[in-house]
Amino acid sequence: MPTLVLLDVSLSMCRPTTSEHIDAEGNGNGNDMSRRQLAHQGLRTFFDYLADNFRLEFTSLVVFSSLWEEIVPFTRDYDLLKSKLSKAETYDKTCFVSAFEAARSVISDGWGPSTPFHVILVTDGSPGVGEGSLRQFLDSQDVITLPFTSKLHIICIAPLEEVGASLHWYKQLCDATSSHGGHVYFPEKPLTQQSVEKAFMQLAENNYMPYKGILQFGNLRSNVNLVPPPINIMNYNSNDDYDFPPFPYELRICGFLDSVDIGQPPCIARHLVLPYSSSHNQDEPGAPDASASDSSFDDTPVDDSHTPSFCVLLHGSLKVEKMVALVKLSDDWFGILQSWADSKKKSNLVLSIFEPAIKLSWLGELTQLGPSIDEDTNPYVAVNEDEEESPFPVALPGYFSYHHQGFLAWTRNSLQSDIQKTLRYARRLPDRKQAFYKEVNKLRRNALVYSFDDVIACIANLLLKEAESSNSQQAAILLKHAAAHLQSENVYSAIEPIQT
């Protein structure tokens, strides 16, 4: 979950922790530090925590007063974030309107409304005065609500006793601007670097706890880290009244399936599976006691680059064999491990988590799946020396009036490849006229079977674009003819080629 840090750079942040003099740059003439310097130290501690535990997440730094400026766009370079803190200039006064205008603009332009966010507001605890103050902002008719799923965290560089009556305004700010509320953090008295760093660490430990567990298959096991942590799964709105159990500490592999057999079933979350340091941390939630743990775990640090890893072995095997691993999370809760490639050069091991008690008709009951070697007869029938016939998809009992052997299952033949094949024939018109019309009719028939009406309109638009760019007049006529029939209401008759 990306993070946006809003740092107050008003003059009030230059106030000292005591009554000693602080110049306009926030530097003290004694041993005390300004509140701005304390905020910088706390943010550096927070960035170090993210670099150690959430190095794949993006973070941005925005400074605000009466205006705002994004001094570091979203990045994974936490050293850059720390170096830019000291280079931020000091401006006039605290203006909460500009802070939330910055959050709405930066996140909406870069990520859109569908990405959940952490928004961290760092200020000195002063509500401000006049236009743009906290009270005026909350009393106005147009309070800026962040138009995305968010949680607002406010850190005041002031003890609770100093903030006083402004506390309820800050709590109201969390509820009014973010969809999931938030929390206000205060350092303990006296106001020191240690107390401020402790407040930032409290925020990090409450909202940025990494998931560290064990991936196990028989006697093989590996310490793994899920990125992002599966903390939002419990808030998933299932259609069924299902009580989500706690996410397990041990991810147990039940068996393996061919990728073509599993297809692309619907999932509620996907997480990168990364191996982490093999020095076992007994403080992790859900971890077994040391007395009951396996002897293979010890507290001696080792060099992981020279240690065999089951996670790496599994990833390579699934990628080469084109298979997936079925993972059991609870009694009727499953997921799959698969090699996921964003490009041809790089792939990652990904855990796709299903909705509990999901029914995948082509696999049958997931709870009934077991090793094929335990069956009396091998369900994988050998066709020849190098090929086997899969028992999937599972035959449904009974006969359905709408069943037809000519219908294609797009779980095996992907929609994307079918459309690409049709476009290839379209570009070779009029030579491949018969093959083109055959593919168009097949695509429309499959879309109607699955009630996928939108894809028919998309294919028609693609054919019209091909007709505009075609150099052949005959090809353009054939493409426009096919597109017109796809857009017509007569969906029950096959599209016949015309004579050109």
Foldseek 3Di string as FASTA:
>chain_A
DAEEEEEEQAQQQLCWLDNFDGDQLSCGPDPTGGNLVLVLLLVLLLLVVCVVFVLPHWYWYKYDAPAIDGPGATDSPSVVVSVCSSVDHHDHHHAVVNRLVVVQVRCCVPPNAEDEYEYEYEEQLAQTDDHRGLVVLVPDPCNAARNHAYFYEYEHLAAPVVNPPCVVSVQVNQVPHHPVRYDYFYFHPPRDSVSSNVRSVVVCVVPPDWQWAWEDEVPAIAIKTWPPHPPCPQVDDDPDPDHDDPFARYWYWFFKDACLQVFDDDFDDKTFIGGDWQQDDCPHPNRDDPVPDDPVHHRDGDDVVPDDGPQVVVQVVCVVRRMWTWIDGDQQWIWIWHWADPDPPDTTIMITTHDGNDQDQFPGRPNPDHDQVPDPDRQFDDPDDVDTDHCTGPDDPDDDPPDDPPADDCSNVPPVVLLVVLVVLLLVPPVSVVVNLVSLLNSLVNCVVVVVLVVLLVSLVVLCVCLVPHPDPVSNVQSPQSSVVSPDPPSPDRRDTDDD
